[in-house]
Amino acid sequence: MQGGKKYTVKLKELYKLLFELYGPQGWWPVDREYHSSMGTDPREEVIIGAILTQNTSWKNVEKALENLKRQGELSLKFLREVEENRLKELIKPVGFYNLKVLRLKSVASFFDPVDKVEDVERGELLEIKGVGEETADAILLYAGNRLTFVIDKYTMRFMNRFLGIEGSYKELKNFFEANLPPDVELYKEFHALLDEQGKRFCRSTPLCGECPLKTFCLNAVPSS
């Protein structure tokens, strides 16, 4: 699934439409003022958030991050040192907290120091228990500024509906990377814009009647 010139053009057109519709997303969101005042590293917030967001909404992640800021510290050092039961209480809003505590501990131990994110191999991340392809790519792209495209359920749904393309995580990742310029900031924005479209309109049960991009969709549901 390498695509070709027509797909390169189509992807650029869709990116432009999404950008004009939603504007710059500035993803991954981090509280830089907090980290500046605390002397902590914003990259660590991305890594922590990438684990917390597994199988939950970003609103729940924000609650857990606030708990860490107010009642602990939003850093990997804190995660390495904090007692597990206390950490469970702090991240309770994200659900699956018994499991996520173990994953946070593992990731915090691996990224000591956090500068490892600049040159770690993707395969090394995938060896960490609880780190799958989406989580690994999110960490590499948003914390490490590494050239790797993140695929998630919103991306898969969008590709099927707007380009008629289905595939595995690896196939879709390779498709984007083969048909987009090698630009880290473009990768970040495109992924975030696809998620915004997915959350607003391109849901599992799509809101086609309200969607401003419905004329570009291959299988939009007609308005009743």
N, C-alpha and C. Protein backbone atom coordinates (compact mmCIF):
# COMPACT_ATOMS: atom_id res chain seq x y z
N MET A 1 0.84 -1.20 0.00
CA MET A 1 0.00 0.00 0.00
C MET A 1 0.88 1.25 0.00
N GLN A 2 1.58 1.47 -1.08
CA GLN A 2 2.47 2.62 -1.16
C GLN A 2 1.77 3.87 -1.70
N GLY A 3 0.67 3.66 -2.45
CA GLY A 3 -0.04 4.81 -2.99
C GLY A 3 0.58 5.26 -4.30
N GLY A 4 0.66 6.54 -4.52
CA GLY A 4 1.17 7.10 -5.75
C GLY A 4 0.88 8.58 -5.78
N LYS A 5 1.13 9.18 -6.91
CA LYS A 5 0.98 10.64 -7.02
C LYS A 5 -0.42 11.10 -6.68
N LYS A 6 -1.45 10.35 -7.13
CA LYS A 6 -2.83 10.79 -6.87
C LYS A 6 -3.13 10.81 -5.37
N TYR A 7 -2.54 9.85 -4.64
CA TYR A 7 -2.77 9.81 -3.20
C TYR A 7 -1.99 10.92 -2.49
N THR A 8 -0.80 11.22 -3.00
CA THR A 8 -0.03 12.33 -2.44
C THR A 8 -0.82 13.63 -2.57
N VAL A 9 -1.38 13.85 -3.74
CA VAL A 9 -2.19 15.04 -3.98
C VAL A 9 -3.43 15.03 -3.09
N LYS A 10 -4.09 13.88 -3.01
CA LYS A 10 -5.32 13.77 -2.23
C LYS A 10 -5.06 14.04 -0.75
N LEU A 11 -3.98 13.48 -0.22
CA LEU A 11 -3.65 13.69 1.18
C LEU A 11 -3.38 15.17 1.46
N LYS A 12 -2.66 15.82 0.56
CA LYS A 12 -2.37 17.25 0.73
C LYS A 12 -3.65 18.07 0.68
N GLU A 13 -4.57 17.69 -0.20
CA GLU A 13 -5.85 18.39 -0.30
C GLU A 13 -6.66 18.23 0.99
N LEU A 14 -6.70 17.01 1.51
CA LEU A 14 -7.45 16.74 2.74
C LEU A 14 -6.82 17.45 3.93
N TYR A 15 -5.48 17.48 3.96
CA TYR A 15 -4.81 18.20 5.04
C TYR A 15 -5.18 19.68 5.00
N LYS A 16 -5.16 20.26 3.81
CA LYS A 16 -5.49 21.68 3.66
C LYS A 16 -6.92 21.96 4.11
N LEU A 17 -7.85 21.09 3.73
CA LEU A 17 -9.24 21.26 4.13
C LEU A 17 -9.39 21.19 5.64
N LEU A 18 -8.76 20.21 6.25
CA LEU A 18 -8.83 20.06 7.70
C LEU A 18 -8.20 21.25 8.42
N PHE A 19 -7.08 21.72 7.91
CA PHE A 19 -6.38 22.84 8.54
C PHE A 19 -7.22 24.11 8.44
N GLU A 20 -7.83 24.33 7.28
CA GLU A 20 -8.68 25.52 7.10
C GLU A 20 -9.92 25.43 7.99
N LEU A 21 -10.38 24.22 8.21
CA LEU A 21 -11.58 24.03 9.01
C LEU A 21 -11.32 24.20 10.51
N TYR A 22 -10.25 23.61 11.00
CA TYR A 22 -10.01 23.56 12.44
C TYR A 22 -8.84 24.42 12.92
N GLY A 23 -7.96 24.81 11.99
CA GLY A 23 -6.81 25.61 12.40
C GLY A 23 -5.74 24.76 13.06
N PRO A 24 -4.61 25.38 13.42
CA PRO A 24 -3.50 24.63 14.05
C PRO A 24 -3.92 24.06 15.40
N GLN A 25 -3.60 22.81 15.62
CA GLN A 25 -4.00 22.13 16.85
C GLN A 25 -2.95 22.24 17.97
N GLY A 26 -1.70 22.47 17.58
CA GLY A 26 -0.65 22.61 18.59
C GLY A 26 -0.50 21.37 19.45
N TRP A 27 -0.72 20.22 18.87
CA TRP A 27 -0.68 18.98 19.62
C TRP A 27 0.76 18.45 19.66
N TRP A 28 1.26 17.98 20.74
CA TRP A 28 0.67 17.49 21.98
C TRP A 28 0.57 18.64 22.98
N PRO A 29 -0.58 18.81 23.63
CA PRO A 29 -0.71 19.92 24.58
C PRO A 29 0.07 19.66 25.87
N VAL A 30 0.93 20.57 26.24
CA VAL A 30 1.66 20.47 27.51
C VAL A 30 1.58 21.81 28.24
N ASP A 31 1.68 21.75 29.53
CA ASP A 31 1.62 22.95 30.37
C ASP A 31 3.04 23.49 30.56
N ARG A 32 3.50 24.28 29.61
CA ARG A 32 4.87 24.77 29.64
C ARG A 32 5.13 25.71 30.82
N GLU A 33 4.11 26.45 31.20
CA GLU A 33 4.28 27.35 32.36
C GLU A 33 4.56 26.53 33.62
N TYR A 34 3.84 25.44 33.78
CA TYR A 34 4.06 24.55 34.93
C TYR A 34 5.50 24.04 34.93
N HIS A 35 5.93 23.52 33.80
CA HIS A 35 7.26 22.91 33.74
C HIS A 35 8.35 23.96 33.94
N SER A 36 8.11 25.17 33.44
CA SER A 36 9.09 26.24 33.64
C SER A 36 9.23 26.59 35.12
N SER A 37 8.10 26.64 35.82
CA SER A 37 8.12 27.00 37.23
C SER A 37 8.65 25.87 38.11
N MET A 38 8.43 24.62 37.69
CA MET A 38 8.82 23.47 38.49
C MET A 38 10.21 22.93 38.12
N GLY A 39 10.74 23.39 36.97
CA GLY A 39 12.02 22.86 36.53
C GLY A 39 11.93 21.45 35.99
N THR A 40 10.73 21.07 35.55
CA THR A 40 10.52 19.73 34.98
C THR A 40 10.54 19.81 33.45
N ASP A 41 10.46 18.66 32.80
CA ASP A 41 10.65 18.59 31.36
C ASP A 41 9.31 18.34 30.66
N PRO A 42 8.90 19.22 29.74
CA PRO A 42 7.63 19.05 29.02
C PRO A 42 7.53 17.72 28.28
N ARG A 43 8.67 17.18 27.84
CA ARG A 43 8.65 15.91 27.13
C ARG A 43 8.11 14.79 28.01
N GLU A 44 8.33 14.92 29.30
CA GLU A 44 7.86 13.89 30.23
C GLU A 44 6.34 13.89 30.33
N GLU A 45 5.73 15.06 30.19
CA GLU A 45 4.27 15.14 30.19
C GLU A 45 3.69 14.40 28.99
N VAL A 46 4.36 14.51 27.85
CA VAL A 46 3.91 13.80 26.65
C VAL A 46 3.98 12.29 26.87
N ILE A 47 5.08 11.82 27.42
CA ILE A 47 5.26 10.38 27.66
C ILE A 47 4.21 9.87 28.64
N ILE A 48 3.99 10.62 29.71
CA ILE A 48 2.99 10.23 30.70
C ILE A 48 1.60 10.22 30.07
N GLY A 49 1.29 11.27 29.31
CA GLY A 49 -0.02 11.37 28.68
C GLY A 49 -0.27 10.26 27.68
N ALA A 50 0.78 9.81 26.99
CA ALA A 50 0.64 8.76 26.00
C ALA A 50 0.21 7.44 26.64
N ILE A 51 0.62 7.21 27.87
CA ILE A 51 0.18 6.02 28.60
C ILE A 51 -1.22 6.22 29.16
N LEU A 52 -1.46 7.38 29.75
CA LEU A 52 -2.76 7.63 30.39
C LEU A 52 -3.91 7.60 29.39
N THR A 53 -3.67 8.02 28.15
CA THR A 53 -4.75 8.15 27.18
C THR A 53 -5.18 6.82 26.56
N GLN A 54 -4.49 5.74 26.89
CA GLN A 54 -4.88 4.44 26.35
C GLN A 54 -6.29 4.07 26.83
N ASN A 55 -7.17 3.81 25.88
CA ASN A 55 -8.54 3.36 26.16
C ASN A 55 -9.34 4.31 27.04
N THR A 56 -9.14 5.61 26.84
CA THR A 56 -9.94 6.58 27.58
C THR A 56 -9.97 7.89 26.80
N SER A 57 -10.80 8.83 27.25
CA SER A 57 -10.90 10.12 26.57
C SER A 57 -9.85 11.08 27.10
N TRP A 58 -9.54 12.10 26.28
CA TRP A 58 -8.55 13.07 26.71
C TRP A 58 -9.03 13.88 27.90
N LYS A 59 -10.33 14.07 28.04
CA LYS A 59 -10.86 14.79 29.20
C LYS A 59 -10.48 14.08 30.50
N ASN A 60 -10.52 12.77 30.49
CA ASN A 60 -10.12 12.00 31.67
C ASN A 60 -8.62 12.12 31.92
N VAL A 61 -7.85 12.15 30.84
CA VAL A 61 -6.41 12.32 30.97
C VAL A 61 -6.09 13.66 31.61
N GLU A 62 -6.77 14.70 31.20
CA GLU A 62 -6.54 16.03 31.76
C GLU A 62 -6.78 16.05 33.27
N LYS A 63 -7.80 15.33 33.73
CA LYS A 63 -8.09 15.27 35.17
C LYS A 63 -6.94 14.59 35.92
N ALA A 64 -6.41 13.52 35.33
CA ALA A 64 -5.30 12.81 35.97
C ALA A 64 -4.04 13.67 35.98
N LEU A 65 -3.79 14.37 34.89
CA LEU A 65 -2.61 15.24 34.83
C LEU A 65 -2.71 16.36 35.86
N GLU A 66 -3.90 16.90 36.03
CA GLU A 66 -4.11 17.94 37.05
C GLU A 66 -3.86 17.40 38.44
N ASN A 67 -4.30 16.16 38.70
CA ASN A 67 -4.04 15.54 40.00
C ASN A 67 -2.54 15.41 40.25
N LEU A 68 -1.82 15.00 39.22
CA LEU A 68 -0.38 14.87 39.37
C LEU A 68 0.27 16.22 39.66
N LYS A 69 -0.21 17.26 38.99
CA LYS A 69 0.37 18.60 39.20
C LYS A 69 0.05 19.14 40.59
N ARG A 70 -1.17 18.92 41.04
CA ARG A 70 -1.61 19.51 42.31
C ARG A 70 -1.20 18.69 43.53
N GLN A 71 -1.14 17.38 43.36
CA GLN A 71 -0.91 16.52 44.52
C GLN A 71 0.39 15.74 44.45
N GLY A 72 1.15 15.96 43.41
CA GLY A 72 2.43 15.26 43.27
C GLY A 72 3.37 16.09 42.43
N GLU A 73 3.79 15.53 41.33
CA GLU A 73 4.62 16.26 40.37
C GLU A 73 4.48 15.59 39.02
N LEU A 74 4.36 16.39 37.99
CA LEU A 74 4.19 15.87 36.63
C LEU A 74 5.57 15.61 36.04
N SER A 75 6.18 14.53 36.50
CA SER A 75 7.52 14.18 36.06
C SER A 75 7.73 12.68 36.15
N LEU A 76 8.68 12.18 35.39
CA LEU A 76 9.00 10.75 35.43
C LEU A 76 9.71 10.40 36.73
N LYS A 77 10.46 11.33 37.28
CA LYS A 77 11.13 11.10 38.56
C LYS A 77 10.09 10.82 39.65
N PHE A 78 9.03 11.61 39.65
CA PHE A 78 7.97 11.39 40.62
C PHE A 78 7.35 10.02 40.44
N LEU A 79 7.11 9.62 39.20
CA LEU A 79 6.51 8.31 38.93
C LEU A 79 7.41 7.18 39.41
N ARG A 80 8.71 7.36 39.27
CA ARG A 80 9.64 6.32 39.70
C ARG A 80 9.63 6.17 41.22
N GLU A 81 9.41 7.28 41.91
CA GLU A 81 9.55 7.27 43.37
C GLU A 81 8.24 7.11 44.13
N VAL A 82 7.11 7.48 43.53
CA VAL A 82 5.85 7.48 44.26
C VAL A 82 5.37 6.05 44.53
N GLU A 83 4.71 5.88 45.66
CA GLU A 83 4.16 4.57 46.03
C GLU A 83 2.98 4.23 45.13
N GLU A 84 2.85 2.99 44.75
CA GLU A 84 1.87 2.60 43.74
C GLU A 84 0.43 2.95 44.12
N ASN A 85 0.04 2.72 45.35
CA ASN A 85 -1.34 2.99 45.76
C ASN A 85 -1.67 4.48 45.67
N ARG A 86 -0.69 5.31 46.00
CA ARG A 86 -0.92 6.74 45.88
C ARG A 86 -1.08 7.14 44.42
N LEU A 87 -0.24 6.56 43.56
CA LEU A 87 -0.33 6.87 42.14
C LEU A 87 -1.66 6.41 41.56
N LYS A 88 -2.16 5.30 42.02
CA LYS A 88 -3.47 4.81 41.55
C LYS A 88 -4.55 5.85 41.82
N GLU A 89 -4.52 6.45 43.00
CA GLU A 89 -5.52 7.46 43.35
C GLU A 89 -5.40 8.68 42.44
N LEU A 90 -4.18 9.08 42.14
CA LEU A 90 -3.97 10.27 41.33
C LEU A 90 -4.44 10.10 39.90
N ILE A 91 -4.29 8.88 39.36
CA ILE A 91 -4.66 8.67 37.95
C ILE A 91 -6.01 7.98 37.80
N LYS A 92 -6.76 7.90 38.86
CA LYS A 92 -8.03 7.17 38.85
C LYS A 92 -8.98 7.61 37.74
N PRO A 93 -9.04 8.90 37.38
CA PRO A 93 -9.98 9.33 36.34
C PRO A 93 -9.82 8.62 35.00
N VAL A 94 -8.63 8.08 34.69
CA VAL A 94 -8.41 7.49 33.37
C VAL A 94 -8.88 6.04 33.28
N GLY A 95 -9.26 5.44 34.41
CA GLY A 95 -9.67 4.05 34.37
C GLY A 95 -8.48 3.11 34.18
N PHE A 96 -8.71 1.81 34.37
CA PHE A 96 -7.66 0.80 34.23
C PHE A 96 -6.41 1.21 35.01
N TYR A 97 -6.62 1.86 36.16
CA TYR A 97 -5.49 2.46 36.86
C TYR A 97 -4.54 1.45 37.46
N ASN A 98 -5.02 0.25 37.80
CA ASN A 98 -4.10 -0.77 38.30
C ASN A 98 -3.07 -1.14 37.24
N LEU A 99 -3.55 -1.27 36.01
CA LEU A 99 -2.69 -1.62 34.89
C LEU A 99 -1.80 -0.45 34.49
N LYS A 100 -2.38 0.74 34.45
CA LYS A 100 -1.64 1.91 33.98
C LYS A 100 -0.55 2.34 34.96
N VAL A 101 -0.73 2.05 36.23
CA VAL A 101 0.32 2.35 37.19
C VAL A 101 1.58 1.55 36.85
N LEU A 102 1.39 0.28 36.52
CA LEU A 102 2.53 -0.57 36.17
C LEU A 102 3.19 -0.07 34.89
N ARG A 103 2.38 0.34 33.92
CA ARG A 103 2.92 0.84 32.66
C ARG A 103 3.67 2.15 32.85
N LEU A 104 3.12 3.03 33.68
CA LEU A 104 3.78 4.30 33.96
C LEU A 104 5.13 4.07 34.65
N LYS A 105 5.14 3.15 35.59
CA LYS A 105 6.38 2.83 36.30
C LYS A 105 7.43 2.29 35.32
N SER A 106 7.00 1.41 34.43
CA SER A 106 7.93 0.82 33.47
C SER A 106 8.51 1.87 32.53
N VAL A 107 7.63 2.73 32.00
CA VAL A 107 8.06 3.76 31.07
C VAL A 107 8.97 4.78 31.78
N ALA A 108 8.60 5.15 33.01
CA ALA A 108 9.41 6.10 33.77
C ALA A 108 10.80 5.53 34.04
N SER A 109 10.87 4.24 34.31
CA SER A 109 12.16 3.60 34.55
C SER A 109 12.99 3.54 33.27
N PHE A 110 12.32 3.28 32.15
CA PHE A 110 13.02 3.20 30.86
C PHE A 110 13.60 4.54 30.46
N PHE A 111 12.80 5.60 30.59
CA PHE A 111 13.25 6.93 30.18
C PHE A 111 13.95 7.65 31.34
N ASP A 112 15.05 7.08 31.74
CA ASP A 112 15.88 7.68 32.79
C ASP A 112 17.32 7.69 32.29
N PRO A 113 17.73 8.81 31.66
CA PRO A 113 17.05 10.11 31.59
C PRO A 113 16.09 10.20 30.41
N VAL A 114 15.29 11.25 30.40
CA VAL A 114 14.30 11.43 29.34
C VAL A 114 14.95 11.69 27.98
N ASP A 115 16.20 12.13 27.98
CA ASP A 115 16.91 12.39 26.72
C ASP A 115 17.00 11.15 25.84
N LYS A 116 16.74 9.98 26.40
CA LYS A 116 16.76 8.75 25.61
C LYS A 116 15.75 8.81 24.46
N VAL A 117 14.72 9.65 24.62
CA VAL A 117 13.67 9.72 23.60
C VAL A 117 14.21 10.25 22.27
N GLU A 118 15.36 10.90 22.31
CA GLU A 118 15.93 11.49 21.10
C GLU A 118 16.55 10.44 20.17
N ASP A 119 16.96 9.30 20.71
CA ASP A 119 17.62 8.31 19.85
C ASP A 119 17.19 6.87 20.09
N VAL A 120 16.20 6.66 20.95
CA VAL A 120 15.73 5.30 21.21
C VAL A 120 15.16 4.68 19.94
N GLU A 121 15.38 3.41 19.75
CA GLU A 121 14.80 2.70 18.61
C GLU A 121 13.34 2.37 18.90
N ARG A 122 12.53 2.46 17.87
CA ARG A 122 11.10 2.14 18.02
C ARG A 122 10.91 0.73 18.59
N GLY A 123 11.72 -0.19 18.11
CA GLY A 123 11.63 -1.57 18.58
C GLY A 123 11.87 -1.70 20.08
N GLU A 124 12.75 -0.87 20.62
CA GLU A 124 13.01 -0.89 22.06
C GLU A 124 11.78 -0.49 22.84
N LEU A 125 11.07 0.53 22.34
CA LEU A 125 9.85 0.97 23.02
C LEU A 125 8.79 -0.13 23.00
N LEU A 126 8.69 -0.82 21.88
CA LEU A 126 7.67 -1.86 21.75
C LEU A 126 7.95 -3.06 22.65
N GLU A 127 9.16 -3.16 23.16
CA GLU A 127 9.48 -4.23 24.10
C GLU A 127 9.02 -3.93 25.52
N ILE A 128 8.66 -2.67 25.78
CA ILE A 128 8.16 -2.30 27.11
C ILE A 128 6.72 -2.80 27.24
N LYS A 129 6.43 -3.52 28.28
CA LYS A 129 5.10 -4.07 28.48
C LYS A 129 4.07 -2.95 28.55
N GLY A 130 3.06 -3.04 27.70
CA GLY A 130 2.00 -2.04 27.70
C GLY A 130 2.19 -0.93 26.69
N VAL A 131 3.32 -0.96 25.96
CA VAL A 131 3.57 0.05 24.93
C VAL A 131 3.37 -0.60 23.57
N GLY A 132 2.27 -0.23 22.91
CA GLY A 132 1.99 -0.72 21.58
C GLY A 132 2.46 0.26 20.52
N GLU A 133 2.09 -0.01 19.28
CA GLU A 133 2.58 0.81 18.18
C GLU A 133 2.11 2.26 18.28
N GLU A 134 0.84 2.47 18.58
CA GLU A 134 0.32 3.83 18.65
C GLU A 134 1.01 4.63 19.76
N THR A 135 1.15 4.03 20.93
CA THR A 135 1.80 4.70 22.05
C THR A 135 3.26 5.00 21.74
N ALA A 136 3.95 4.03 21.16
CA ALA A 136 5.36 4.22 20.82
C ALA A 136 5.53 5.35 19.82
N ASP A 137 4.70 5.38 18.78
CA ASP A 137 4.83 6.42 17.77
C ASP A 137 4.46 7.79 18.31
N ALA A 138 3.47 7.84 19.21
CA ALA A 138 3.10 9.12 19.82
C ALA A 138 4.26 9.68 20.64
N ILE A 139 4.91 8.82 21.38
CA ILE A 139 6.07 9.25 22.18
C ILE A 139 7.20 9.73 21.28
N LEU A 140 7.48 8.96 20.24
CA LEU A 140 8.58 9.32 19.35
C LEU A 140 8.31 10.63 18.61
N LEU A 141 7.08 10.78 18.10
CA LEU A 141 6.75 11.98 17.32
C LEU A 141 6.65 13.21 18.20
N TYR A 142 5.86 13.13 19.27
CA TYR A 142 5.54 14.34 20.03
C TYR A 142 6.54 14.66 21.15
N ALA A 143 7.18 13.64 21.71
CA ALA A 143 8.19 13.92 22.74
C ALA A 143 9.59 13.96 22.14
N GLY A 144 9.82 13.12 21.11
CA GLY A 144 11.16 13.05 20.55
C GLY A 144 11.35 13.79 19.25
N ASN A 145 10.25 14.38 18.72
CA ASN A 145 10.32 15.06 17.42
C ASN A 145 10.94 14.16 16.35
N ARG A 146 10.52 12.91 16.38
CA ARG A 146 11.03 11.91 15.45
C ARG A 146 10.04 11.72 14.30
N LEU A 147 10.56 11.40 13.14
CA LEU A 147 9.74 11.32 11.94
C LEU A 147 9.03 9.97 11.87
N THR A 148 7.87 9.89 12.51
CA THR A 148 7.08 8.67 12.50
C THR A 148 5.61 9.06 12.61
N PHE A 149 4.75 8.51 11.76
CA PHE A 149 3.35 8.91 11.74
C PHE A 149 2.54 8.03 12.70
N VAL A 150 1.65 8.66 13.45
CA VAL A 150 0.82 7.96 14.42
C VAL A 150 -0.51 7.57 13.78
N ILE A 151 -0.87 6.31 13.92
CA ILE A 151 -2.15 5.81 13.43
C ILE A 151 -3.04 5.47 14.62
N ASP A 152 -4.29 5.89 14.57
CA ASP A 152 -5.24 5.51 15.61
C ASP A 152 -6.59 5.21 14.97
N LYS A 153 -7.59 4.95 15.80
CA LYS A 153 -8.91 4.56 15.27
C LYS A 153 -9.51 5.67 14.42
N TYR A 154 -9.27 6.93 14.77
CA TYR A 154 -9.80 8.04 13.98
C TYR A 154 -9.18 8.07 12.58
N THR A 155 -7.86 7.83 12.54
CA THR A 155 -7.16 7.81 11.25
C THR A 155 -7.67 6.67 10.38
N MET A 156 -7.82 5.50 10.97
CA MET A 156 -8.30 4.34 10.20
C MET A 156 -9.69 4.59 9.64
N ARG A 157 -10.54 5.17 10.46
CA ARG A 157 -11.92 5.45 10.04
C ARG A 157 -11.93 6.49 8.92
N PHE A 158 -11.14 7.53 9.07
CA PHE A 158 -11.07 8.60 8.08
C PHE A 158 -10.56 8.06 6.74
N MET A 159 -9.51 7.26 6.78
CA MET A 159 -8.93 6.73 5.55
C MET A 159 -9.92 5.85 4.79
N ASN A 160 -10.69 5.09 5.52
CA ASN A 160 -11.69 4.24 4.88
C ASN A 160 -12.79 5.08 4.25
N ARG A 161 -13.24 6.10 4.95
CA ARG A 161 -14.38 6.88 4.48
C ARG A 161 -14.02 7.91 3.41
N PHE A 162 -12.82 8.45 3.48
CA PHE A 162 -12.47 9.52 2.55
C PHE A 162 -11.57 9.07 1.39
N LEU A 163 -10.86 7.97 1.58
CA LEU A 163 -9.99 7.48 0.50
C LEU A 163 -10.29 6.04 0.10
N GLY A 164 -11.19 5.40 0.83
CA GLY A 164 -11.53 4.02 0.51
C GLY A 164 -10.39 3.05 0.76
N ILE A 165 -9.54 3.41 1.73
CA ILE A 165 -8.36 2.60 2.03
C ILE A 165 -8.48 1.99 3.42
N GLU A 166 -8.26 0.68 3.49
CA GLU A 166 -8.20 -0.02 4.76
C GLU A 166 -6.85 -0.73 4.85
N GLY A 167 -6.42 -0.99 6.06
CA GLY A 167 -5.15 -1.70 6.22
C GLY A 167 -4.78 -1.82 7.67
N SER A 168 -3.70 -2.54 7.91
CA SER A 168 -3.20 -2.70 9.27
C SER A 168 -2.53 -1.41 9.73
N TYR A 169 -2.17 -1.37 10.99
CA TYR A 169 -1.45 -0.21 11.52
C TYR A 169 -0.20 0.06 10.67
N LYS A 170 0.59 -0.97 10.45
CA LYS A 170 1.84 -0.83 9.70
C LYS A 170 1.59 -0.34 8.28
N GLU A 171 0.58 -0.91 7.64
CA GLU A 171 0.28 -0.53 6.25
C GLU A 171 -0.12 0.93 6.14
N LEU A 172 -0.98 1.39 7.06
CA LEU A 172 -1.42 2.78 7.01
C LEU A 172 -0.30 3.74 7.39
N LYS A 173 0.50 3.37 8.35
CA LYS A 173 1.66 4.19 8.74
C LYS A 173 2.60 4.36 7.55
N ASN A 174 2.89 3.26 6.87
CA ASN A 174 3.77 3.31 5.70
C ASN A 174 3.15 4.14 4.58
N PHE A 175 1.82 4.07 4.44
CA PHE A 175 1.12 4.83 3.41
C PHE A 175 1.30 6.33 3.62
N PHE A 176 1.07 6.79 4.85
CA PHE A 176 1.23 8.21 5.14
C PHE A 176 2.67 8.64 4.93
N GLU A 177 3.61 7.86 5.41
CA GLU A 177 5.01 8.24 5.33
C GLU A 177 5.53 8.22 3.89
N ALA A 178 4.92 7.37 3.05
CA ALA A 178 5.33 7.31 1.65
C ALA A 178 4.74 8.42 0.81
N ASN A 179 3.62 8.99 1.29
CA ASN A 179 2.90 9.96 0.47
C ASN A 179 2.85 11.37 1.05
N LEU A 180 3.60 11.60 2.12
CA LEU A 180 3.71 12.94 2.70
C LEU A 180 5.17 13.36 2.71
N PRO A 181 5.43 14.66 2.64
CA PRO A 181 6.81 15.13 2.79
C PRO A 181 7.34 14.74 4.17
N PRO A 182 8.63 14.46 4.30
CA PRO A 182 9.20 14.08 5.60
C PRO A 182 9.33 15.30 6.51
N ASP A 183 8.23 15.67 7.14
CA ASP A 183 8.15 16.90 7.93
C ASP A 183 7.50 16.59 9.28
N VAL A 184 8.26 16.68 10.34
CA VAL A 184 7.76 16.33 11.68
C VAL A 184 6.54 17.17 12.06
N GLU A 185 6.60 18.48 11.80
CA GLU A 185 5.48 19.35 12.18
C GLU A 185 4.23 19.01 11.38
N LEU A 186 4.39 18.65 10.12
CA LEU A 186 3.26 18.22 9.31
C LEU A 186 2.64 16.95 9.88
N TYR A 187 3.47 16.00 10.25
CA TYR A 187 2.98 14.76 10.85
C TYR A 187 2.16 15.05 12.11
N LYS A 188 2.69 15.93 12.94
CA LYS A 188 2.00 16.27 14.19
C LYS A 188 0.63 16.88 13.91
N GLU A 189 0.63 17.88 13.04
CA GLU A 189 -0.63 18.58 12.76
C GLU A 189 -1.65 17.69 12.06
N PHE A 190 -1.19 16.91 11.10
CA PHE A 190 -2.12 16.07 10.34
C PHE A 190 -2.79 15.06 11.26
N HIS A 191 -2.01 14.41 12.09
CA HIS A 191 -2.58 13.44 13.02
C HIS A 191 -3.59 14.10 13.96
N ALA A 192 -3.24 15.26 14.48
CA ALA A 192 -4.14 15.97 15.40
C ALA A 192 -5.42 16.41 14.70
N LEU A 193 -5.30 16.85 13.47
CA LEU A 193 -6.48 17.29 12.70
C LEU A 193 -7.39 16.11 12.39
N LEU A 194 -6.82 14.97 12.07
CA LEU A 194 -7.62 13.77 11.82
C LEU A 194 -8.40 13.38 13.08
N ASP A 195 -7.76 13.51 14.23
CA ASP A 195 -8.43 13.20 15.49
C ASP A 195 -9.57 14.19 15.77
N GLU A 196 -9.33 15.46 15.46
CA GLU A 196 -10.37 16.47 15.68
C GLU A 196 -11.60 16.18 14.80
N GLN A 197 -11.35 15.84 13.55
CA GLN A 197 -12.43 15.47 12.65
C GLN A 197 -13.17 14.23 13.16
N GLY A 198 -12.41 13.27 13.66
CA GLY A 198 -13.01 12.05 14.17
C GLY A 198 -13.86 12.26 15.40
N LYS A 199 -13.41 13.12 16.28
CA LYS A 199 -14.15 13.39 17.51
C LYS A 199 -15.42 14.19 17.25
N ARG A 200 -15.35 15.10 16.29
CA ARG A 200 -16.50 15.97 16.03
C ARG A 200 -17.55 15.33 15.15
N PHE A 201 -17.12 14.73 14.05
CA PHE A 201 -18.09 14.26 13.06
C PHE A 201 -17.90 12.80 12.63
N CYS A 202 -16.66 12.40 12.40
CA CYS A 202 -16.40 11.08 11.82
C CYS A 202 -16.32 10.03 12.92
N ARG A 203 -17.40 9.92 13.67
CA ARG A 203 -17.46 8.98 14.79
C ARG A 203 -17.81 7.59 14.28
N SER A 204 -17.86 6.62 15.20
CA SER A 204 -18.23 5.27 14.78
C SER A 204 -19.62 5.29 14.14
N THR A 205 -20.52 6.09 14.73
CA THR A 205 -21.79 6.42 14.07
C THR A 205 -21.64 7.86 13.60
N PRO A 206 -21.36 8.06 12.32
CA PRO A 206 -20.97 9.40 11.84
C PRO A 206 -22.10 10.42 11.85
N LEU A 207 -21.71 11.67 12.06
CA LEU A 207 -22.66 12.78 12.01
C LEU A 207 -22.53 13.45 10.64
N CYS A 208 -22.84 12.70 9.61
CA CYS A 208 -22.62 13.16 8.23
C CYS A 208 -23.42 14.41 7.89
N GLY A 209 -24.63 14.49 8.41
CA GLY A 209 -25.48 15.64 8.07
C GLY A 209 -24.89 16.95 8.52
N GLU A 210 -24.10 16.93 9.60
CA GLU A 210 -23.51 18.14 10.15
C GLU A 210 -22.08 18.36 9.67
N CYS A 211 -21.48 17.35 9.03
CA CYS A 211 -20.06 17.39 8.70
C CYS A 211 -19.78 18.34 7.52
N PRO A 212 -18.88 19.30 7.69
CA PRO A 212 -18.55 20.24 6.61
C PRO A 212 -17.74 19.60 5.49
N LEU A 213 -17.26 18.38 5.70
CA LEU A 213 -16.47 17.69 4.67
C LEU A 213 -17.26 16.57 3.99
N LYS A 214 -18.56 16.53 4.19
CA LYS A 214 -19.34 15.38 3.70
C LYS A 214 -19.28 15.24 2.19
N THR A 215 -19.10 16.33 1.46
CA THR A 215 -19.05 16.22 0.00
C THR A 215 -17.77 15.53 -0.48
N PHE A 216 -16.77 15.41 0.40
CA PHE A 216 -15.52 14.75 0.05
C PHE A 216 -15.50 13.30 0.51
N CYS A 217 -16.52 12.90 1.25
CA CYS A 217 -16.57 11.55 1.82
C CYS A 217 -17.14 10.57 0.80
N LEU A 218 -16.54 9.39 0.74
CA LEU A 218 -16.96 8.39 -0.23
C LEU A 218 -18.24 7.66 0.18
N ASN A 219 -18.53 7.65 1.48
CA ASN A 219 -19.72 6.92 1.94
C ASN A 219 -20.49 7.69 3.00
N ALA A 220 -20.64 8.98 2.76
CA ALA A 220 -21.42 9.80 3.69
C ALA A 220 -22.87 9.31 3.72
N VAL A 221 -23.43 9.30 4.91
CA VAL A 221 -24.82 8.88 5.07
C VAL A 221 -25.71 10.06 4.70
N PRO A 222 -26.63 9.89 3.73
CA PRO A 222 -27.50 11.00 3.34
C PRO A 222 -28.34 11.51 4.50
N SER A 223 -28.59 12.82 4.50
CA SER A 223 -29.44 13.41 5.54
C SER A 223 -30.86 12.90 5.37
N SER A 224 -31.52 12.63 6.48
CA SER A 224 -32.90 12.11 6.41
C SER A 224 -33.88 13.27 6.25
